[in-house]
Amino acid sequence: WGNSGCIWLLGTDDIKLLKITFLRHCKSVLSFLNKRHKIIH
């Protein structure tokens, strides 16, 4: 989105089954995405 990135996520109710693994990796994935886009919104 120009100088920034527009982030999105859509899921099913079954994402709850992966809750701990998902949350454990979210911040590192976001950090990776923030290297490409300094502003995510």
ModelCIF file with pLDDT and N, C-alpha, C, O atoms, coordinates in Angstrom:
data_MODEL
#
_entry.id   MODEL 
#
_entity.id                         1 
_entity.type                       polymer 
_entity.pdbx_number_of_molecules   1 
#
_entity_poly.entity_id                      1 
_entity_poly.type                           'polypeptide(L)' 
_entity_poly.nstd_linkage                   no 
_entity_poly.nstd_monomer                   no 
_entity_poly.pdbx_seq_one_letter_code       WGNSGCIWLLGTDDIKLLKITFLRHCKSVLSFLNKRHKIIH 
_entity_poly.pdbx_seq_one_letter_code_can   WGNSGCIWLLGTDDIKLLKITFLRHCKSVLSFLNKRHKIIH 
_entity_poly.pdbx_strand_id                 A 
#
loop_
_entity_poly_seq.entity_id 
_entity_poly_seq.num 
_entity_poly_seq.mon_id 
_entity_poly_seq.hetero 
1 1  TRP n 
1 2  GLY n 
1 3  ASN n 
1 4  SER n 
1 5  GLY n 
1 6  CYS n 
1 7  ILE n 
1 8  TRP n 
1 9  LEU n 
1 10 LEU n 
1 11 GLY n 
1 12 THR n 
1 13 ASP n 
1 14 ASP n 
1 15 ILE n 
1 16 LYS n 
1 17 LEU n 
1 18 LEU n 
1 19 LYS n 
1 20 ILE n 
1 21 THR n 
1 22 PHE n 
1 23 LEU n 
1 24 ARG n 
1 25 HIS n 
1 26 CYS n 
1 27 LYS n 
1 28 SER n 
1 29 VAL n 
1 30 LEU n 
1 31 SER n 
1 32 PHE n 
1 33 LEU n 
1 34 ASN n 
1 35 LYS n 
1 36 ARG n 
1 37 HIS n 
1 38 LYS n 
1 39 ILE n 
1 40 ILE n 
1 41 HIS n 
#
_struct_asym.id          A 
_struct_asym.entity_id   1 
#
loop_
_ma_qa_metric.id 
_ma_qa_metric.mode 
_ma_qa_metric.name 
_ma_qa_metric.software_group_id 
_ma_qa_metric.type 
1 global pLDDT . pLDDT 
2 local  pLDDT . pLDDT 
#
_ma_qa_metric_global.metric_id      1 
_ma_qa_metric_global.metric_value   86.44 
_ma_qa_metric_global.model_id       1 
_ma_qa_metric_global.ordinal_id     1 
#
loop_
_ma_qa_metric_local.label_asym_id 
_ma_qa_metric_local.label_comp_id 
_ma_qa_metric_local.label_seq_id 
_ma_qa_metric_local.metric_id 
_ma_qa_metric_local.metric_value 
_ma_qa_metric_local.model_id 
_ma_qa_metric_local.ordinal_id 
A TRP 1  2 88.00 1 1  
A GLY 2  2 87.00 1 2  
A ASN 3  2 88.00 1 3  
A SER 4  2 94.00 1 4  
A GLY 5  2 93.00 1 5  
A CYS 6  2 94.00 1 6  
A ILE 7  2 92.00 1 7  
A TRP 8  2 95.00 1 8  
A LEU 9  2 93.00 1 9  
A LEU 10 2 96.00 1 10 
A GLY 11 2 95.00 1 11 
A THR 12 2 96.00 1 12 
A ASP 13 2 95.00 1 13 
A ASP 14 2 93.00 1 14 
A ILE 15 2 90.00 1 15 
A LYS 16 2 88.00 1 16 
A LEU 17 2 87.00 1 17 
A LEU 18 2 82.00 1 18 
A LYS 19 2 78.00 1 19 
A ILE 20 2 78.00 1 20 
A THR 21 2 79.00 1 21 
A PHE 22 2 80.00 1 22 
A LEU 23 2 77.00 1 23 
A ARG 24 2 78.00 1 24 
A HIS 25 2 81.00 1 25 
A CYS 26 2 79.00 1 26 
A LYS 27 2 80.00 1 27 
A SER 28 2 80.00 1 28 
A VAL 29 2 81.00 1 29 
A LEU 30 2 80.00 1 30 
A SER 31 2 81.00 1 31 
A PHE 32 2 80.00 1 32 
A LEU 33 2 80.00 1 33 
A ASN 34 2 78.00 1 34 
A LYS 35 2 81.00 1 35 
A ARG 36 2 85.00 1 36 
A HIS 37 2 89.00 1 37 
A LYS 38 2 90.00 1 38 
A ILE 39 2 94.00 1 39 
A ILE 40 2 93.00 1 40 
A HIS 41 2 96.00 1 41 
#
loop_
_atom_site.group_PDB 
_atom_site.id 
_atom_site.type_symbol 
_atom_site.label_atom_id 
_atom_site.label_alt_id 
_atom_site.label_comp_id 
_atom_site.label_asym_id 
_atom_site.label_entity_id 
_atom_site.label_seq_id 
_atom_site.pdbx_PDB_ins_code 
_atom_site.Cartn_x 
_atom_site.Cartn_y 
_atom_site.Cartn_z 
_atom_site.occupancy 
_atom_site.B_iso_or_equiv 
_atom_site.pdbx_formal_charge 
_atom_site.auth_seq_id 
_atom_site.auth_comp_id 
_atom_site.auth_asym_id 
_atom_site.auth_atom_id 
_atom_site.pdbx_PDB_model_num 
ATOM 1   N N  . TRP A 1 1  ? 0.863   -1.187  0.000  1.00 88.00 ? 1  TRP A N  1 
ATOM 2   C CA . TRP A 1 1  ? 0.000   0.000   0.000  1.00 88.00 ? 1  TRP A CA 1 
ATOM 3   C C  . TRP A 1 1  ? 0.894   1.230   0.000  1.00 88.00 ? 1  TRP A C  1 
ATOM 4   O O  . TRP A 1 1  ? 0.969   1.956   0.991  1.00 88.00 ? 1  TRP A O  1 
ATOM 5   N N  . GLY A 1 2  ? 1.570   1.455   -1.118 1.00 87.00 ? 2  GLY A N  1 
ATOM 6   C CA . GLY A 1 2  ? 2.498   2.586   -1.189 1.00 87.00 ? 2  GLY A CA 1 
ATOM 7   C C  . GLY A 1 2  ? 3.705   2.312   -0.321 1.00 87.00 ? 2  GLY A C  1 
ATOM 8   O O  . GLY A 1 2  ? 4.425   1.340   -0.547 1.00 87.00 ? 2  GLY A O  1 
ATOM 9   N N  . ASN A 1 3  ? 3.938   3.161   0.673  1.00 88.00 ? 3  ASN A N  1 
ATOM 10  C CA . ASN A 1 3  ? 5.068   2.992   1.586  1.00 88.00 ? 3  ASN A CA 1 
ATOM 11  C C  . ASN A 1 3  ? 4.736   2.127   2.794  1.00 88.00 ? 3  ASN A C  1 
ATOM 12  O O  . ASN A 1 3  ? 5.530   2.037   3.731  1.00 88.00 ? 3  ASN A O  1 
ATOM 13  N N  . SER A 1 4  ? 3.590   1.501   2.780  1.00 94.00 ? 4  SER A N  1 
ATOM 14  C CA . SER A 1 4  ? 3.174   0.690   3.924  1.00 94.00 ? 4  SER A CA 1 
ATOM 15  C C  . SER A 1 4  ? 2.571   -0.617  3.432  1.00 94.00 ? 4  SER A C  1 
ATOM 16  O O  . SER A 1 4  ? 2.463   -0.860  2.230  1.00 94.00 ? 4  SER A O  1 
ATOM 17  N N  . GLY A 1 5  ? 2.183   -1.450  4.385  1.00 93.00 ? 5  GLY A N  1 
ATOM 18  C CA . GLY A 1 5  ? 1.543   -2.714  4.063  1.00 93.00 ? 5  GLY A CA 1 
ATOM 19  C C  . GLY A 1 5  ? 0.214   -2.824  4.768  1.00 93.00 ? 5  GLY A C  1 
ATOM 20  O O  . GLY A 1 5  ? 0.099   -2.481  5.945  1.00 93.00 ? 5  GLY A O  1 
ATOM 21  N N  . CYS A 1 6  ? -0.789  -3.299  4.059  1.00 94.00 ? 6  CYS A N  1 
ATOM 22  C CA . CYS A 1 6  ? -2.125  -3.493  4.615  1.00 94.00 ? 6  CYS A CA 1 
ATOM 23  C C  . CYS A 1 6  ? -2.268  -4.978  4.968  1.00 94.00 ? 6  CYS A C  1 
ATOM 24  O O  . CYS A 1 6  ? -2.366  -5.829  4.083  1.00 94.00 ? 6  CYS A O  1 
ATOM 25  N N  . ILE A 1 7  ? -2.279  -5.275  6.266  1.00 92.00 ? 7  ILE A N  1 
ATOM 26  C CA . ILE A 1 7  ? -2.293  -6.658  6.743  1.00 92.00 ? 7  ILE A CA 1 
ATOM 27  C C  . ILE A 1 7  ? -3.722  -7.162  6.896  1.00 92.00 ? 7  ILE A C  1 
ATOM 28  O O  . ILE A 1 7  ? -4.629  -6.390  7.208  1.00 92.00 ? 7  ILE A O  1 
ATOM 29  N N  . TRP A 1 8  ? -3.921  -8.460  6.675  1.00 95.00 ? 8  TRP A N  1 
ATOM 30  C CA . TRP A 1 8  ? -5.252  -9.055  6.816  1.00 95.00 ? 8  TRP A CA 1 
ATOM 31  C C  . TRP A 1 8  ? -5.097  -10.518 7.223  1.00 95.00 ? 8  TRP A C  1 
ATOM 32  O O  . TRP A 1 8  ? -4.079  -11.154 6.945  1.00 95.00 ? 8  TRP A O  1 
ATOM 33  N N  . LEU A 1 9  ? -6.121  -11.032 7.881  1.00 93.00 ? 9  LEU A N  1 
ATOM 34  C CA . LEU A 1 9  ? -6.197  -12.440 8.259  1.00 93.00 ? 9  LEU A CA 1 
ATOM 35  C C  . LEU A 1 9  ? -7.662  -12.825 8.339  1.00 93.00 ? 9  LEU A C  1 
ATOM 36  O O  . LEU A 1 9  ? -8.468  -12.125 8.951  1.00 93.00 ? 9  LEU A O  1 
ATOM 37  N N  . LEU A 1 10 ? -7.998  -13.941 7.715  1.00 96.00 ? 10 LEU A N  1 
ATOM 38  C CA . LEU A 1 10 ? -9.355  -14.485 7.776  1.00 96.00 ? 10 LEU A CA 1 
ATOM 39  C C  . LEU A 1 10 ? -9.239  -15.967 8.079  1.00 96.00 ? 10 LEU A C  1 
ATOM 40  O O  . LEU A 1 10 ? -8.378  -16.660 7.536  1.00 96.00 ? 10 LEU A O  1 
ATOM 41  N N  . GLY A 1 11 ? -10.124 -16.450 8.960  1.00 95.00 ? 11 GLY A N  1 
ATOM 42  C CA . GLY A 1 11 ? -9.979  -17.840 9.351  1.00 95.00 ? 11 GLY A CA 1 
ATOM 43  C C  . GLY A 1 11 ? -11.277 -18.545 9.662  1.00 95.00 ? 11 GLY A C  1 
ATOM 44  O O  . GLY A 1 11 ? -12.367 -17.981 9.572  1.00 95.00 ? 11 GLY A O  1 
ATOM 45  N N  . THR A 1 12 ? -11.116 -19.802 10.033 1.00 96.00 ? 12 THR A N  1 
ATOM 46  C CA . THR A 1 12 ? -12.227 -20.644 10.444 1.00 96.00 ? 12 THR A CA 1 
ATOM 47  C C  . THR A 1 12 ? -12.204 -20.762 11.968 1.00 96.00 ? 12 THR A C  1 
ATOM 48  O O  . THR A 1 12 ? -11.234 -20.359 12.609 1.00 96.00 ? 12 THR A O  1 
ATOM 49  N N  . ASP A 1 13 ? -13.262 -21.310 12.540 1.00 95.00 ? 13 ASP A N  1 
ATOM 50  C CA . ASP A 1 13 ? -13.280 -21.523 13.985 1.00 95.00 ? 13 ASP A CA 1 
ATOM 51  C C  . ASP A 1 13 ? -12.200 -22.514 14.423 1.00 95.00 ? 13 ASP A C  1 
ATOM 52  O O  . ASP A 1 13 ? -11.801 -22.515 15.588 1.00 95.00 ? 13 ASP A O  1 
ATOM 53  N N  . ASP A 1 14 ? -11.731 -23.344 13.518 1.00 93.00 ? 14 ASP A N  1 
ATOM 54  C CA . ASP A 1 14 ? -10.711 -24.337 13.861 1.00 93.00 ? 14 ASP A CA 1 
ATOM 55  C C  . ASP A 1 14 ? -9.341  -23.738 14.145 1.00 93.00 ? 14 ASP A C  1 
ATOM 56  O O  . ASP A 1 14 ? -8.441  -24.458 14.579 1.00 93.00 ? 14 ASP A O  1 
ATOM 57  N N  . ILE A 1 15 ? -9.158  -22.449 13.913 1.00 90.00 ? 15 ILE A N  1 
ATOM 58  C CA . ILE A 1 15 ? -7.877  -21.837 14.283 1.00 90.00 ? 15 ILE A CA 1 
ATOM 59  C C  . ILE A 1 15 ? -7.652  -21.957 15.793 1.00 90.00 ? 15 ILE A C  1 
ATOM 60  O O  . ILE A 1 15 ? -6.512  -21.944 16.257 1.00 90.00 ? 15 ILE A O  1 
ATOM 61  N N  . LYS A 1 16 ? -8.739  -22.072 16.555 1.00 88.00 ? 16 LYS A N  1 
ATOM 62  C CA . LYS A 1 16 ? -8.627  -22.246 18.017 1.00 88.00 ? 16 LYS A CA 1 
ATOM 63  C C  . LYS A 1 16 ? -7.878  -23.524 18.360 1.00 88.00 ? 16 LYS A C  1 
ATOM 64  O O  . LYS A 1 16 ? -7.235  -23.596 19.407 1.00 88.00 ? 16 LYS A O  1 
ATOM 65  N N  . LEU A 1 17 ? -7.951  -24.536 17.498 1.00 87.00 ? 17 LEU A N  1 
ATOM 66  C CA . LEU A 1 17 ? -7.265  -25.805 17.744 1.00 87.00 ? 17 LEU A CA 1 
ATOM 67  C C  . LEU A 1 17 ? -5.747  -25.660 17.658 1.00 87.00 ? 17 LEU A C  1 
ATOM 68  O O  . LEU A 1 17 ? -5.005  -26.513 18.145 1.00 87.00 ? 17 LEU A O  1 
ATOM 69  N N  . LEU A 1 18 ? -5.302  -24.590 17.043 1.00 82.00 ? 18 LEU A N  1 
ATOM 70  C CA . LEU A 1 18 ? -3.878  -24.328 16.840 1.00 82.00 ? 18 LEU A CA 1 
ATOM 71  C C  . LEU A 1 18 ? -3.424  -23.115 17.657 1.00 82.00 ? 18 LEU A C  1 
ATOM 72  O O  . LEU A 1 18 ? -2.362  -22.548 17.400 1.00 82.00 ? 18 LEU A O  1 
ATOM 73  N N  . LYS A 1 19 ? -4.224  -22.730 18.625 1.00 78.00 ? 19 LYS A N  1 
ATOM 74  C CA . LYS A 1 19 ? -4.046  -21.465 19.342 1.00 78.00 ? 19 LYS A CA 1 
ATOM 75  C C  . LYS A 1 19 ? -2.632  -21.268 19.891 1.00 78.00 ? 19 LYS A C  1 
ATOM 76  O O  . LYS A 1 19 ? -2.027  -20.226 19.641 1.00 78.00 ? 19 LYS A O  1 
ATOM 77  N N  . ILE A 1 20 ? -2.095  -22.225 20.621 1.00 78.00 ? 20 ILE A N  1 
ATOM 78  C CA . ILE A 1 20 ? -0.786  -22.044 21.251 1.00 78.00 ? 20 ILE A CA 1 
ATOM 79  C C  . ILE A 1 20 ? 0.309   -21.919 20.200 1.00 78.00 ? 20 ILE A C  1 
ATOM 80  O O  . ILE A 1 20 ? 1.141   -21.015 20.282 1.00 78.00 ? 20 ILE A O  1 
ATOM 81  N N  . THR A 1 21 ? 0.321   -22.810 19.218 1.00 79.00 ? 21 THR A N  1 
ATOM 82  C CA . THR A 1 21 ? 1.324   -22.740 18.145 1.00 79.00 ? 21 THR A CA 1 
ATOM 83  C C  . THR A 1 21 ? 1.176   -21.445 17.363 1.00 79.00 ? 21 THR A C  1 
ATOM 84  O O  . THR A 1 21 ? 2.167   -20.782 17.058 1.00 79.00 ? 21 THR A O  1 
ATOM 85  N N  . PHE A 1 22 ? -0.049  -21.088 17.041 1.00 80.00 ? 22 PHE A N  1 
ATOM 86  C CA . PHE A 1 22 ? -0.309  -19.866 16.291 1.00 80.00 ? 22 PHE A CA 1 
ATOM 87  C C  . PHE A 1 22 ? 0.208   -18.640 17.048 1.00 80.00 ? 22 PHE A C  1 
ATOM 88  O O  . PHE A 1 22 ? 0.938   -17.825 16.484 1.00 80.00 ? 22 PHE A O  1 
ATOM 89  N N  . LEU A 1 23 ? -0.166  -18.511 18.311 1.00 77.00 ? 23 LEU A N  1 
ATOM 90  C CA . LEU A 1 23 ? 0.258   -17.353 19.091 1.00 77.00 ? 23 LEU A CA 1 
ATOM 91  C C  . LEU A 1 23 ? 1.767   -17.345 19.319 1.00 77.00 ? 23 LEU A C  1 
ATOM 92  O O  . LEU A 1 23 ? 2.384   -16.280 19.352 1.00 77.00 ? 23 LEU A O  1 
ATOM 93  N N  . ARG A 1 24 ? 2.359   -18.514 19.476 1.00 78.00 ? 24 ARG A N  1 
ATOM 94  C CA . ARG A 1 24 ? 3.800   -18.612 19.702 1.00 78.00 ? 24 ARG A CA 1 
ATOM 95  C C  . ARG A 1 24 ? 4.581   -18.039 18.515 1.00 78.00 ? 24 ARG A C  1 
ATOM 96  O O  . ARG A 1 24 ? 5.663   -17.483 18.703 1.00 78.00 ? 24 ARG A O  1 
ATOM 97  N N  . HIS A 1 25 ? 4.052   -18.166 17.309 1.00 81.00 ? 25 HIS A N  1 
ATOM 98  C CA . HIS A 1 25 ? 4.773   -17.729 16.122 1.00 81.00 ? 25 HIS A CA 1 
ATOM 99  C C  . HIS A 1 25 ? 4.337   -16.367 15.583 1.00 81.00 ? 25 HIS A C  1 
ATOM 100 O O  . HIS A 1 25 ? 5.018   -15.805 14.724 1.00 81.00 ? 25 HIS A O  1 
ATOM 101 N N  . CYS A 1 26 ? 3.229   -15.830 16.063 1.00 79.00 ? 26 CYS A N  1 
ATOM 102 C CA . CYS A 1 26 ? 2.687   -14.577 15.515 1.00 79.00 ? 26 CYS A CA 1 
ATOM 103 C C  . CYS A 1 26 ? 3.672   -13.425 15.548 1.00 79.00 ? 26 CYS A C  1 
ATOM 104 O O  . CYS A 1 26 ? 3.851   -12.729 14.549 1.00 79.00 ? 26 CYS A O  1 
ATOM 105 N N  . LYS A 1 27 ? 4.314   -13.221 16.695 1.00 80.00 ? 27 LYS A N  1 
ATOM 106 C CA . LYS A 1 27 ? 5.185   -12.049 16.827 1.00 80.00 ? 27 LYS A CA 1 
ATOM 107 C C  . LYS A 1 27 ? 6.405   -12.147 15.920 1.00 80.00 ? 27 LYS A C  1 
ATOM 108 O O  . LYS A 1 27 ? 6.842   -11.133 15.374 1.00 80.00 ? 27 LYS A O  1 
ATOM 109 N N  . SER A 1 28 ? 6.968   -13.347 15.746 1.00 80.00 ? 28 SER A N  1 
ATOM 110 C CA . SER A 1 28 ? 8.123   -13.475 14.851 1.00 80.00 ? 28 SER A CA 1 
ATOM 111 C C  . SER A 1 28 ? 7.707   -13.292 13.392 1.00 80.00 ? 28 SER A C  1 
ATOM 112 O O  . SER A 1 28 ? 8.448   -12.694 12.613 1.00 80.00 ? 28 SER A O  1 
ATOM 113 N N  . VAL A 1 29 ? 6.537   -13.794 13.015 1.00 81.00 ? 29 VAL A N  1 
ATOM 114 C CA . VAL A 1 29 ? 6.044   -13.593 11.649 1.00 81.00 ? 29 VAL A CA 1 
ATOM 115 C C  . VAL A 1 29 ? 5.786   -12.104 11.408 1.00 81.00 ? 29 VAL A C  1 
ATOM 116 O O  . VAL A 1 29 ? 6.136   -11.572 10.355 1.00 81.00 ? 29 VAL A O  1 
ATOM 117 N N  . LEU A 1 30 ? 5.175   -11.441 12.383 1.00 80.00 ? 30 LEU A N  1 
ATOM 118 C CA . LEU A 1 30 ? 4.915   -10.010 12.248 1.00 80.00 ? 30 LEU A CA 1 
ATOM 119 C C  . LEU A 1 30 ? 6.219   -9.227  12.147 1.00 80.00 ? 30 LEU A C  1 
ATOM 120 O O  . LEU A 1 30 ? 6.317   -8.287  11.358 1.00 80.00 ? 30 LEU A O  1 
ATOM 121 N N  . SER A 1 31 ? 7.213   -9.605  12.932 1.00 81.00 ? 31 SER A N  1 
ATOM 122 C CA . SER A 1 31 ? 8.508   -8.947  12.871 1.00 81.00 ? 31 SER A CA 1 
ATOM 123 C C  . SER A 1 31 ? 9.127   -9.103  11.478 1.00 81.00 ? 31 SER A C  1 
ATOM 124 O O  . SER A 1 31 ? 9.712   -8.160  10.943 1.00 81.00 ? 31 SER A O  1 
ATOM 125 N N  . PHE A 1 32 ? 8.994   -10.294 10.898 1.00 80.00 ? 32 PHE A N  1 
ATOM 126 C CA . PHE A 1 32 ? 9.466   -10.530 9.530  1.00 80.00 ? 32 PHE A CA 1 
ATOM 127 C C  . PHE A 1 32 ? 8.732   -9.620  8.541  1.00 80.00 ? 32 PHE A C  1 
ATOM 128 O O  . PHE A 1 32 ? 9.353   -9.007  7.673  1.00 80.00 ? 32 PHE A O  1 
ATOM 129 N N  . LEU A 1 33 ? 7.408   -9.539  8.680  1.00 80.00 ? 33 LEU A N  1 
ATOM 130 C CA . LEU A 1 33 ? 6.620   -8.699  7.783  1.00 80.00 ? 33 LEU A CA 1 
ATOM 131 C C  . LEU A 1 33 ? 6.981   -7.225  7.945  1.00 80.00 ? 33 LEU A C  1 
ATOM 132 O O  . LEU A 1 33 ? 6.977   -6.469  6.974  1.00 80.00 ? 33 LEU A O  1 
ATOM 133 N N  . ASN A 1 34 ? 7.295   -6.817  9.186  1.00 78.00 ? 34 ASN A N  1 
ATOM 134 C CA . ASN A 1 34 ? 7.665   -5.423  9.439  1.00 78.00 ? 34 ASN A CA 1 
ATOM 135 C C  . ASN A 1 34 ? 9.027   -5.068  8.846  1.00 78.00 ? 34 ASN A C  1 
ATOM 136 O O  . ASN A 1 34 ? 9.322   -3.887  8.662  1.00 78.00 ? 34 ASN A O  1 
ATOM 137 N N  . LYS A 1 35 ? 9.851   -6.045  8.548  1.00 81.00 ? 35 LYS A N  1 
ATOM 138 C CA . LYS A 1 35 ? 11.124  -5.749  7.879  1.00 81.00 ? 35 LYS A CA 1 
ATOM 139 C C  . LYS A 1 35 ? 10.869  -5.296  6.432  1.00 81.00 ? 35 LYS A C  1 
ATOM 140 O O  . LYS A 1 35 ? 11.601  -4.465  5.894  1.00 81.00 ? 35 LYS A O  1 
ATOM 141 N N  . ARG A 1 36 ? 9.848   -5.841  5.832  1.00 85.00 ? 36 ARG A N  1 
ATOM 142 C CA . ARG A 1 36 ? 9.479   -5.471  4.460  1.00 85.00 ? 36 ARG A CA 1 
ATOM 143 C C  . ARG A 1 36 ? 8.702   -4.154  4.428  1.00 85.00 ? 36 ARG A C  1 
ATOM 144 O O  . ARG A 1 36 ? 8.893   -3.319  3.544  1.00 85.00 ? 36 ARG A O  1 
ATOM 145 N N  . HIS A 1 37 ? 7.831   -3.995  5.408  1.00 89.00 ? 37 HIS A N  1 
ATOM 146 C CA . HIS A 1 37 ? 6.992   -2.799  5.513  1.00 89.00 ? 37 HIS A CA 1 
ATOM 147 C C  . HIS A 1 37 ? 7.168   -2.212  6.907  1.00 89.00 ? 37 HIS A C  1 
ATOM 148 O O  . HIS A 1 37 ? 6.748   -2.813  7.895  1.00 89.00 ? 37 HIS A O  1 
ATOM 149 N N  . LYS A 1 38 ? 7.779   -1.056  6.984  1.00 90.00 ? 38 LYS A N  1 
ATOM 150 C CA . LYS A 1 38 ? 8.004   -0.433  8.301  1.00 90.00 ? 38 LYS A CA 1 
ATOM 151 C C  . LYS A 1 38 ? 6.686   -0.032  8.956  1.00 90.00 ? 38 LYS A C  1 
ATOM 152 O O  . LYS A 1 38 ? 6.592   0.051   10.180 1.00 90.00 ? 38 LYS A O  1 
ATOM 153 N N  . ILE A 1 39 ? 5.669   0.215   8.130  1.00 94.00 ? 39 ILE A N  1 
ATOM 154 C CA . ILE A 1 39 ? 4.335   0.561   8.641  1.00 94.00 ? 39 ILE A CA 1 
ATOM 155 C C  . ILE A 1 39 ? 3.358   -0.494  8.137  1.00 94.00 ? 39 ILE A C  1 
ATOM 156 O O  . ILE A 1 39 ? 3.228   -0.715  6.933  1.00 94.00 ? 39 ILE A O  1 
ATOM 157 N N  . ILE A 1 40 ? 2.672   -1.144  9.080  1.00 93.00 ? 40 ILE A N  1 
ATOM 158 C CA . ILE A 1 40 ? 1.636   -2.123  8.745  1.00 93.00 ? 40 ILE A CA 1 
ATOM 159 C C  . ILE A 1 40 ? 0.339   -1.635  9.376  1.00 93.00 ? 40 ILE A C  1 
ATOM 160 O O  . ILE A 1 40 ? 0.325   -1.219  10.534 1.00 93.00 ? 40 ILE A O  1 
ATOM 161 N N  . HIS A 1 41 ? -0.741  -1.685  8.620  1.00 96.00 ? 41 HIS A N  1 
ATOM 162 C CA . HIS A 1 41 ? -1.992  -1.105  9.103  1.00 96.00 ? 41 HIS A CA 1 
ATOM 163 C C  . HIS A 1 41 ? -3.194  -1.775  8.464  1.00 96.00 ? 41 HIS A C  1 
ATOM 164 O O  . HIS A 1 41 ? -4.333  -1.410  8.757  1.00 96.00 ? 41 HIS A O  1 
#
